[in-house]
C-alpha atoms as a PDB file:
ATOM      1  CA  MET A   1     -12.833 -80.383  -5.298  1.00  0.00           C
ATOM      2  CA  ASN A   2     -12.276 -77.224  -3.265  1.00  0.00           C
ATOM      3  CA  PHE A   3     -14.681 -74.357  -2.548  1.00  0.00           C
ATOM      4  CA  TYR A   4     -13.694 -72.477  -5.712  1.00  0.00           C
ATOM      5  CA  GLY A   5     -14.198 -75.598  -7.808  1.00  0.00           C
ATOM      6  CA  LEU A   6     -17.733 -75.928  -6.435  1.00  0.00           C
ATOM      7  CA  LEU A   7     -18.437 -72.288  -7.247  1.00  0.00           C
ATOM      8  CA  ALA A   8     -17.183 -72.814 -10.786  1.00  0.00           C
ATOM      9  CA  ALA A   9     -19.314 -75.952 -11.141  1.00  0.00           C
ATOM     10  CA  ASP A  10     -22.378 -74.094  -9.824  1.00  0.00           C
ATOM     11  CA  HIS A  11     -21.725 -71.244 -12.274  1.00  0.00           C
ATOM     12  CA  LYS A  12     -21.651 -73.695 -15.199  1.00  0.00           C
ATOM     13  CA  LEU A  13     -25.011 -75.085 -14.088  1.00  0.00           C
ATOM     14  CA  ILE A  14     -26.501 -71.609 -13.951  1.00  0.00           C
ATOM     15  CA  VAL A  15     -25.109 -70.781 -17.401  1.00  0.00           C
ATOM     16  CA  ALA A  16     -26.446 -74.081 -18.782  1.00  0.00           C
ATOM     17  CA  ASP A  17     -29.898 -73.383 -17.288  1.00  0.00           C
ATOM     18  CA  GLN A  18     -29.934 -69.897 -18.822  1.00  0.00           C
ATOM     19  CA  ALA A  19     -28.953 -71.289 -22.232  1.00  0.00           C
ATOM     20  CA  SER A  20     -31.721 -73.883 -21.974  1.00  0.00           C
ATOM     21  CA  GLU A  21     -34.264 -71.188 -21.095  1.00  0.00           C
ATOM     22  CA  GLU A  22     -33.093 -69.036 -24.023  1.00  0.00           C
ATOM     23  CA  ARG A  23     -33.564 -71.973 -26.427  1.00  0.00           C
ATOM     24  CA  GLU A  24     -37.073 -72.523 -25.065  1.00  0.00           C
ATOM     25  CA  MET A  25     -37.840 -68.829 -25.568  1.00  0.00           C
ATOM     26  CA  THR A  26     -36.853 -69.094 -29.244  1.00  0.00           C
ATOM     27  CA  LYS A  27     -39.489 -71.767 -29.931  1.00  0.00           C
ATOM     28  CA  LYS A  28     -42.313 -70.986 -32.310  1.00  0.00           C
ATOM     29  CA  ARG A  29     -45.567 -72.688 -33.309  1.00  0.00           C
ATOM     30  CA  VAL A  30     -47.639 -71.762 -36.352  1.00  0.00           C
ATOM     31  CA  VAL A  31     -50.683 -73.048 -38.181  1.00  0.00           C
ATOM     32  CA  THR A  32     -50.434 -72.587 -41.941  1.00  0.00           C
ATOM     33  CA  ARG A  33     -52.871 -72.900 -44.815  1.00  0.00           C
ATOM     34  CA  VAL A  34     -51.416 -73.319 -48.311  1.00  0.00           C
ATOM     35  CA  GLU A  35     -53.584 -72.537 -51.352  1.00  0.00           C
ATOM     36  CA  GLY A  36     -53.010 -73.364 -55.006  1.00  0.00           C
ATOM     37  CA  VAL A  37     -52.312 -76.633 -56.778  1.00  0.00           C
ATOM     38  CA  VAL A  38     -51.154 -78.385 -53.615  1.00  0.00           C
ATOM     39  CA  GLN A  39     -53.104 -81.666 -53.549  1.00  0.00           C
ATOM     40  CA  GLY A  40     -52.189 -84.642 -55.704  1.00  0.00           C
ATOM     41  CA  VAL A  41     -48.645 -83.292 -56.209  1.00  0.00           C
ATOM     42  CA  TYR A  42     -46.885 -85.041 -53.264  1.00  0.00           C
ATOM     43  CA  PHE A  43     -46.955 -81.799 -51.279  1.00  0.00           C
ATOM     44  CA  ARG A  44     -47.467 -83.563 -47.932  1.00  0.00           C
ATOM     45  CA  ASP A  45     -44.673 -86.084 -48.546  1.00  0.00           C
ATOM     46  CA  TYR A  46     -42.187 -83.371 -49.458  1.00  0.00           C
ATOM     47  CA  ALA A  47     -43.356 -81.233 -46.528  1.00  0.00           C
ATOM     48  CA  GLN A  48     -42.825 -84.103 -44.105  1.00  0.00           C
ATOM     49  CA  LYS A  49     -39.325 -84.743 -45.450  1.00  0.00           C
ATOM     50  CA  GLU A  50     -38.408 -81.041 -45.216  1.00  0.00           C
ATOM     51  CA  ALA A  51     -39.868 -80.634 -41.710  1.00  0.00           C
ATOM     52  CA  ARG A  52     -38.042 -83.705 -40.419  1.00  0.00           C
ATOM     53  CA  GLU A  53     -34.761 -82.447 -41.862  1.00  0.00           C
ATOM     54  CA  LEU A  54     -35.379 -79.203 -39.964  1.00  0.00           C
ATOM     55  CA  GLU A  55     -36.211 -81.240 -36.821  1.00  0.00           C
ATOM     56  CA  LEU A  56     -39.685 -79.714 -36.528  1.00  0.00           C
ATOM     57  CA  SER A  57     -42.704 -81.203 -34.788  1.00  0.00           C
ATOM     58  CA  GLY A  58     -46.242 -80.994 -36.076  1.00  0.00           C
ATOM     59  CA  TRP A  59     -48.253 -82.356 -38.949  1.00  0.00           C
ATOM     60  CA  VAL A  60     -49.589 -81.711 -42.444  1.00  0.00           C
ATOM     61  CA  ARG A  61     -52.919 -82.706 -44.018  1.00  0.00           C
ATOM     62  CA  ASN A  62     -55.149 -82.125 -47.031  1.00  0.00           C
ATOM     63  CA  ARG A  63     -58.290 -80.081 -46.381  1.00  0.00           C
ATOM     64  CA  PRO A  64     -61.644 -80.733 -48.106  1.00  0.00           C
ATOM     65  CA  ASP A  65     -61.468 -77.257 -49.713  1.00  0.00           C
ATOM     66  CA  GLY A  66     -58.343 -78.190 -51.711  1.00  0.00           C
ATOM     67  CA  THR A  67     -55.830 -76.459 -49.426  1.00  0.00           C
ATOM     68  CA  VAL A  68     -53.110 -78.029 -47.319  1.00  0.00           C
ATOM     69  CA  GLU A  69     -52.901 -77.267 -43.606  1.00  0.00           C
ATOM     70  CA  ALA A  70     -49.699 -77.663 -41.601  1.00  0.00           C
ATOM     71  CA  VAL A  71     -48.824 -77.111 -37.959  1.00  0.00           C
ATOM     72  CA  LEU A  72     -45.145 -76.423 -37.350  1.00  0.00           C
ATOM     73  CA  GLU A  73     -43.317 -76.216 -34.036  1.00  0.00           C
ATOM     74  CA  GLY A  74     -39.642 -75.890 -33.261  1.00  0.00           C
ATOM     75  CA  GLU A  75     -36.806 -73.404 -33.178  1.00  0.00           C
ATOM     76  CA  THR A  76     -37.956 -70.063 -34.572  1.00  0.00           C
ATOM     77  CA  GLU A  77     -35.338 -69.968 -37.332  1.00  0.00           C
ATOM     78  CA  LYS A  78     -36.240 -73.469 -38.539  1.00  0.00           C
ATOM     79  CA  VAL A  79     -39.976 -72.723 -38.490  1.00  0.00           C
ATOM     80  CA  GLU A  80     -39.278 -69.637 -40.620  1.00  0.00           C
ATOM     81  CA  GLN A  81     -37.251 -71.792 -43.047  1.00  0.00           C
ATOM     82  CA  MET A  82     -40.181 -74.193 -43.348  1.00  0.00           C
ATOM     83  CA  ILE A  83     -42.618 -71.344 -43.958  1.00  0.00           C
ATOM     84  CA  ALA A  84     -40.335 -70.157 -46.766  1.00  0.00           C
ATOM     85  CA  TRP A  85     -40.329 -73.693 -48.191  1.00  0.00           C
ATOM     86  CA  LEU A  86     -44.148 -73.780 -48.110  1.00  0.00           C
ATOM     87  CA  HIS A  87     -44.214 -70.829 -50.533  1.00  0.00           C
ATOM     88  CA  THR A  88     -42.621 -73.097 -53.153  1.00  0.00           C
ATOM     89  CA  GLY A  89     -43.657 -76.592 -52.041  1.00  0.00           C
ATOM     90  CA  SER A  90     -43.101 -79.808 -53.945  1.00  0.00           C
ATOM     91  CA  PRO A  91     -41.723 -79.734 -57.509  1.00  0.00           C
ATOM     92  CA  GLN A  92     -45.193 -80.157 -59.087  1.00  0.00           C
ATOM     93  CA  ALA A  93     -46.991 -77.730 -56.740  1.00  0.00           C
ATOM     94  CA  GLU A  94     -48.173 -74.282 -57.765  1.00  0.00           C
ATOM     95  CA  VAL A  95     -48.491 -72.350 -54.506  1.00  0.00           C
ATOM     96  CA  LYS A  96     -50.757 -69.327 -54.686  1.00  0.00           C
ATOM     97  CA  THR A  97     -50.788 -68.128 -51.061  1.00  0.00           C
ATOM     98  CA  VAL A  98     -49.607 -69.211 -47.615  1.00  0.00           C
ATOM     99  CA  GLN A  99     -51.528 -68.005 -44.572  1.00  0.00           C
ATOM    100  CA  VAL A 100     -49.655 -68.161 -41.253  1.00  0.00           C
ATOM    101  CA  THR A 101     -51.188 -67.888 -37.792  1.00  0.00           C
ATOM    102  CA  GLU A 102     -48.865 -67.910 -34.806  1.00  0.00           C
ATOM    103  CA  GLU A 103     -49.829 -69.852 -31.677  1.00  0.00           C
ATOM    104  CA  GLN A 104     -48.289 -70.393 -28.256  1.00  0.00           C
ATOM    105  CA  PRO A 105     -45.686 -73.203 -28.438  1.00  0.00           C
ATOM    106  CA  LEU A 106     -46.859 -76.396 -26.728  1.00  0.00           C
ATOM    107  CA  GLY A 107     -43.448 -78.000 -26.318  1.00  0.00           C
ATOM    108  CA  ASP A 108     -44.377 -80.666 -28.879  1.00  0.00           C
ATOM    109  CA  LYS A 109     -41.422 -82.949 -29.583  1.00  0.00           C
ATOM    110  CA  THR A 110     -43.122 -85.640 -31.671  1.00  0.00           C
ATOM    111  CA  ALA A 111     -41.914 -86.469 -35.170  1.00  0.00           C
ATOM    112  CA  PHE A 112     -43.548 -84.464 -37.969  1.00  0.00           C
ATOM    113  CA  ALA A 113     -46.371 -86.546 -39.452  1.00  0.00           C
ATOM    114  CA  ILE A 114     -48.844 -86.690 -42.309  1.00  0.00           C
ATOM    115  CA  ARG A 115     -52.442 -86.745 -41.130  1.00  0.00           C
ATOM    116  CA  TYR A 116     -55.176 -88.383 -43.152  1.00  0.00           C
ATOM    117  CA  ASN A 117     -58.229 -86.805 -41.498  1.00  0.00           C
END
């Protein structure tokens, strides 16, 4: 490889690094609270399936007050899609409200899970 080939190779590395940084900048993490008829209607199972299809990290759990809490992390567009899904939920759910609180992304890459605590 000649000098110009090395320059071209270096340029591709720089472009790849910039693209990687841009993807990291488009990450989003939110904590959500879903109110309504959302327990006992397979809400968590459907949420897990949807989140995994969207390649999101995080978890979902029932709360003692009858709400469902979910933490979502991933690409901004996919997190927004999941938030939209939460407004409808599982087929038997009757969602009243969805509260969303944005947090700093942690870089979580674990599979989306159902929590039982």
